N, C-alpha and C. Protein backbone atom coordinates (compact mmCIF):
# COMPACT_ATOMS: atom_id res chain seq x y z
N UNK A 1 -24.31 10.45 -3.81
CA UNK A 1 -22.89 10.37 -4.12
C UNK A 1 -22.18 11.49 -3.35
N UNK A 2 -21.12 11.13 -2.67
CA UNK A 2 -20.37 12.13 -1.91
C UNK A 2 -19.56 13.00 -2.86
N UNK A 3 -19.15 14.14 -2.35
CA UNK A 3 -18.32 15.06 -3.14
C UNK A 3 -17.01 14.39 -3.53
N UNK A 4 -16.45 13.61 -2.61
CA UNK A 4 -15.20 12.89 -2.88
C UNK A 4 -15.37 11.95 -4.08
N UNK A 5 -16.43 11.17 -4.08
CA UNK A 5 -16.68 10.24 -5.18
C UNK A 5 -16.90 10.98 -6.49
N UNK A 6 -17.61 12.10 -6.42
CA UNK A 6 -17.88 12.87 -7.62
C UNK A 6 -16.58 13.38 -8.24
N UNK A 7 -15.71 13.95 -7.40
CA UNK A 7 -14.46 14.51 -7.89
C UNK A 7 -13.51 13.41 -8.36
N UNK A 8 -13.35 12.37 -7.55
CA UNK A 8 -12.33 11.36 -7.86
C UNK A 8 -12.79 10.33 -8.89
N UNK A 9 -14.07 10.22 -9.10
CA UNK A 9 -14.55 9.21 -10.05
C UNK A 9 -15.33 9.83 -11.19
N UNK A 10 -16.53 10.31 -10.91
CA UNK A 10 -17.44 10.78 -11.96
C UNK A 10 -16.84 11.89 -12.82
N UNK A 11 -16.40 12.96 -12.18
CA UNK A 11 -15.87 14.10 -12.92
C UNK A 11 -14.58 13.73 -13.66
N UNK A 12 -13.74 12.94 -13.01
CA UNK A 12 -12.48 12.54 -13.62
C UNK A 12 -12.72 11.68 -14.86
N UNK A 13 -13.62 10.73 -14.76
CA UNK A 13 -13.93 9.86 -15.90
C UNK A 13 -14.52 10.68 -17.04
N UNK A 14 -15.39 11.62 -16.71
CA UNK A 14 -16.00 12.48 -17.73
C UNK A 14 -14.93 13.32 -18.43
N UNK A 15 -13.98 13.86 -17.68
CA UNK A 15 -12.91 14.66 -18.27
C UNK A 15 -12.03 13.80 -19.19
N UNK A 16 -11.78 12.57 -18.77
CA UNK A 16 -10.96 11.68 -19.61
C UNK A 16 -11.69 11.32 -20.90
N UNK A 17 -12.98 11.02 -20.79
CA UNK A 17 -13.75 10.65 -21.98
C UNK A 17 -13.85 11.80 -22.98
N UNK A 18 -13.99 13.02 -22.45
CA UNK A 18 -14.12 14.19 -23.32
C UNK A 18 -12.76 14.74 -23.75
N UNK A 19 -11.68 14.12 -23.26
CA UNK A 19 -10.31 14.53 -23.58
C UNK A 19 -10.04 15.99 -23.21
N UNK A 20 -10.63 16.40 -22.08
CA UNK A 20 -10.45 17.74 -21.56
C UNK A 20 -9.21 17.75 -20.67
N UNK A 21 -8.08 18.12 -21.25
CA UNK A 21 -6.80 18.05 -20.54
C UNK A 21 -6.74 19.00 -19.35
N UNK A 22 -7.31 20.18 -19.49
CA UNK A 22 -7.26 21.16 -18.41
C UNK A 22 -8.05 20.68 -17.19
N UNK A 23 -9.28 20.23 -17.41
CA UNK A 23 -10.10 19.72 -16.31
C UNK A 23 -9.45 18.50 -15.69
N UNK A 24 -8.92 17.63 -16.52
CA UNK A 24 -8.24 16.43 -16.01
C UNK A 24 -7.06 16.81 -15.13
N UNK A 25 -6.29 17.80 -15.57
CA UNK A 25 -5.14 18.25 -14.80
C UNK A 25 -5.55 18.80 -13.43
N UNK A 26 -6.61 19.60 -13.41
CA UNK A 26 -7.11 20.15 -12.15
C UNK A 26 -7.59 19.02 -11.23
N UNK A 27 -8.32 18.07 -11.80
CA UNK A 27 -8.84 16.96 -10.99
C UNK A 27 -7.73 16.05 -10.48
N UNK A 28 -6.66 15.89 -11.24
CA UNK A 28 -5.52 15.10 -10.78
C UNK A 28 -4.91 15.77 -9.55
N UNK A 29 -4.76 17.09 -9.60
CA UNK A 29 -4.23 17.82 -8.44
C UNK A 29 -5.13 17.64 -7.22
N UNK A 30 -6.43 17.75 -7.43
CA UNK A 30 -7.38 17.62 -6.32
C UNK A 30 -7.39 16.19 -5.80
N UNK A 31 -7.38 15.21 -6.71
CA UNK A 31 -7.35 13.80 -6.28
C UNK A 31 -6.12 13.52 -5.44
N UNK A 32 -4.98 14.07 -5.86
CA UNK A 32 -3.75 13.88 -5.10
C UNK A 32 -3.85 14.49 -3.71
N UNK A 33 -4.44 15.67 -3.63
CA UNK A 33 -4.63 16.32 -2.34
C UNK A 33 -5.55 15.53 -1.43
N UNK A 34 -6.62 15.00 -2.02
CA UNK A 34 -7.56 14.18 -1.24
C UNK A 34 -6.87 12.92 -0.74
N UNK A 35 -6.14 12.26 -1.61
CA UNK A 35 -5.46 11.02 -1.23
C UNK A 35 -4.43 11.27 -0.14
N UNK A 36 -3.66 12.34 -0.27
CA UNK A 36 -2.66 12.68 0.75
C UNK A 36 -3.31 12.94 2.10
N UNK A 37 -4.41 13.67 2.10
CA UNK A 37 -5.10 13.99 3.35
C UNK A 37 -5.70 12.73 3.96
N UNK A 38 -6.23 11.84 3.13
CA UNK A 38 -6.79 10.57 3.63
C UNK A 38 -5.70 9.73 4.28
N UNK A 39 -4.53 9.69 3.67
CA UNK A 39 -3.41 8.94 4.25
C UNK A 39 -3.00 9.57 5.57
N UNK A 40 -2.94 10.89 5.59
CA UNK A 40 -2.56 11.60 6.81
C UNK A 40 -3.54 11.33 7.95
N UNK A 41 -4.85 11.36 7.64
CA UNK A 41 -5.87 11.17 8.66
C UNK A 41 -6.22 9.71 8.91
N UNK A 42 -5.92 8.85 7.94
CA UNK A 42 -6.22 7.44 8.08
C UNK A 42 -7.68 7.11 7.92
N UNK A 43 -8.41 7.95 7.17
CA UNK A 43 -9.84 7.69 6.94
C UNK A 43 -10.28 8.37 5.66
N UNK A 44 -11.46 7.98 5.18
CA UNK A 44 -12.05 8.62 4.02
C UNK A 44 -12.58 9.99 4.43
N UNK A 45 -12.36 10.99 3.58
CA UNK A 45 -12.74 12.35 3.92
C UNK A 45 -14.25 12.59 3.78
N UNK A 46 -14.75 13.46 4.63
CA UNK A 46 -16.14 13.92 4.52
C UNK A 46 -16.20 15.02 3.46
N UNK A 47 -17.42 15.43 3.10
CA UNK A 47 -17.57 16.50 2.12
C UNK A 47 -16.91 17.80 2.60
N UNK A 48 -17.03 18.09 3.88
CA UNK A 48 -16.43 19.31 4.43
C UNK A 48 -14.91 19.25 4.30
N UNK A 49 -14.34 18.10 4.57
CA UNK A 49 -12.89 17.93 4.46
C UNK A 49 -12.43 18.00 3.00
N UNK A 50 -13.25 17.49 2.08
CA UNK A 50 -12.92 17.57 0.65
C UNK A 50 -12.92 19.03 0.21
N UNK A 51 -13.89 19.80 0.67
CA UNK A 51 -13.93 21.22 0.34
C UNK A 51 -12.68 21.92 0.86
N UNK A 52 -12.23 21.55 2.05
CA UNK A 52 -11.00 22.13 2.61
C UNK A 52 -9.79 21.79 1.74
N UNK A 53 -9.74 20.57 1.23
CA UNK A 53 -8.63 20.17 0.36
C UNK A 53 -8.68 20.96 -0.95
N UNK A 54 -9.87 21.13 -1.51
CA UNK A 54 -10.01 21.90 -2.76
C UNK A 54 -9.57 23.35 -2.52
N UNK A 55 -9.97 23.91 -1.39
CA UNK A 55 -9.57 25.28 -1.05
C UNK A 55 -8.06 25.39 -0.94
N UNK A 56 -7.43 24.39 -0.34
CA UNK A 56 -5.97 24.38 -0.22
C UNK A 56 -5.33 24.29 -1.61
N UNK A 57 -5.88 23.47 -2.48
CA UNK A 57 -5.35 23.36 -3.85
C UNK A 57 -5.43 24.71 -4.57
N UNK A 58 -6.53 25.43 -4.37
CA UNK A 58 -6.67 26.76 -4.98
C UNK A 58 -5.62 27.72 -4.43
N UNK A 59 -5.37 27.65 -3.15
CA UNK A 59 -4.37 28.51 -2.52
C UNK A 59 -2.98 28.20 -3.08
N UNK A 60 -2.67 26.93 -3.22
CA UNK A 60 -1.37 26.53 -3.78
C UNK A 60 -1.23 27.03 -5.21
N UNK A 61 -2.29 26.90 -6.00
CA UNK A 61 -2.26 27.37 -7.38
C UNK A 61 -2.03 28.88 -7.42
N UNK A 62 -2.70 29.63 -6.56
CA UNK A 62 -2.49 31.08 -6.50
C UNK A 62 -1.05 31.41 -6.11
N UNK A 63 -0.48 30.65 -5.20
CA UNK A 63 0.90 30.87 -4.79
C UNK A 63 1.86 30.57 -5.95
N UNK A 64 1.56 29.52 -6.71
CA UNK A 64 2.38 29.20 -7.88
C UNK A 64 2.34 30.33 -8.89
N UNK A 65 1.15 30.84 -9.14
CA UNK A 65 0.99 31.94 -10.10
C UNK A 65 1.83 33.14 -9.65
N UNK A 66 1.72 33.47 -8.38
CA UNK A 66 2.48 34.60 -7.84
C UNK A 66 3.98 34.39 -8.01
N UNK A 67 4.45 33.18 -7.72
CA UNK A 67 5.86 32.87 -7.88
C UNK A 67 6.31 32.95 -9.33
N UNK A 68 5.51 32.42 -10.23
CA UNK A 68 5.85 32.49 -11.65
C UNK A 68 5.88 33.92 -12.15
N UNK A 69 4.92 34.73 -11.73
CA UNK A 69 4.88 36.13 -12.15
C UNK A 69 6.11 36.87 -11.63
N UNK A 70 6.45 36.65 -10.37
CA UNK A 70 7.62 37.31 -9.78
C UNK A 70 8.92 36.89 -10.47
N UNK A 71 8.96 35.68 -10.99
CA UNK A 71 10.16 35.18 -11.67
C UNK A 71 10.10 35.41 -13.19
N UNK A 72 9.08 36.11 -13.65
CA UNK A 72 8.88 36.41 -15.08
C UNK A 72 8.70 35.16 -15.93
N UNK A 73 8.07 34.12 -15.37
CA UNK A 73 7.71 32.93 -16.15
C UNK A 73 6.25 33.06 -16.56
N UNK A 74 6.02 33.88 -17.58
CA UNK A 74 4.64 34.21 -17.94
C UNK A 74 3.87 33.02 -18.51
N UNK A 75 4.53 32.16 -19.25
CA UNK A 75 3.83 31.01 -19.83
C UNK A 75 3.31 30.09 -18.73
N UNK A 76 4.14 29.80 -17.74
CA UNK A 76 3.72 28.94 -16.64
C UNK A 76 2.63 29.61 -15.81
N UNK A 77 2.76 30.91 -15.60
CA UNK A 77 1.74 31.66 -14.85
C UNK A 77 0.41 31.61 -15.58
N UNK A 78 0.44 31.79 -16.89
CA UNK A 78 -0.80 31.74 -17.69
C UNK A 78 -1.43 30.35 -17.64
N UNK A 79 -0.59 29.31 -17.69
CA UNK A 79 -1.11 27.94 -17.63
C UNK A 79 -1.79 27.68 -16.29
N UNK A 80 -1.20 28.16 -15.21
CA UNK A 80 -1.82 27.98 -13.88
C UNK A 80 -3.09 28.81 -13.75
N UNK A 81 -3.10 30.01 -14.36
CA UNK A 81 -4.29 30.86 -14.31
C UNK A 81 -5.48 30.18 -14.99
N UNK A 82 -5.22 29.43 -16.04
CA UNK A 82 -6.29 28.70 -16.73
C UNK A 82 -6.98 27.71 -15.80
N UNK A 83 -6.23 27.14 -14.87
CA UNK A 83 -6.79 26.17 -13.94
C UNK A 83 -7.84 26.80 -13.02
N UNK A 84 -7.73 28.10 -12.80
CA UNK A 84 -8.65 28.78 -11.89
C UNK A 84 -9.95 29.19 -12.56
N UNK A 85 -10.01 29.11 -13.88
CA UNK A 85 -11.23 29.56 -14.57
C UNK A 85 -12.05 28.45 -15.09
């Protein structure tokens, strides 16, 4: 099973069945990033490309946290921080 299939199918289904909202939220973000990159490239992503998308999602989350902290939105910053752990 490729990393893409694991993230977009297996892990997502498991998170939904266990009603794990945090994991589901993170996987939705990653699935969206994967889908956008696939549309951009016009092909299914390799494992290396999926890792690059996940890395980009982490970077975006860190940037969101920084923005929320700078704007004194502590609740939103804390919610985004949970996604990283």
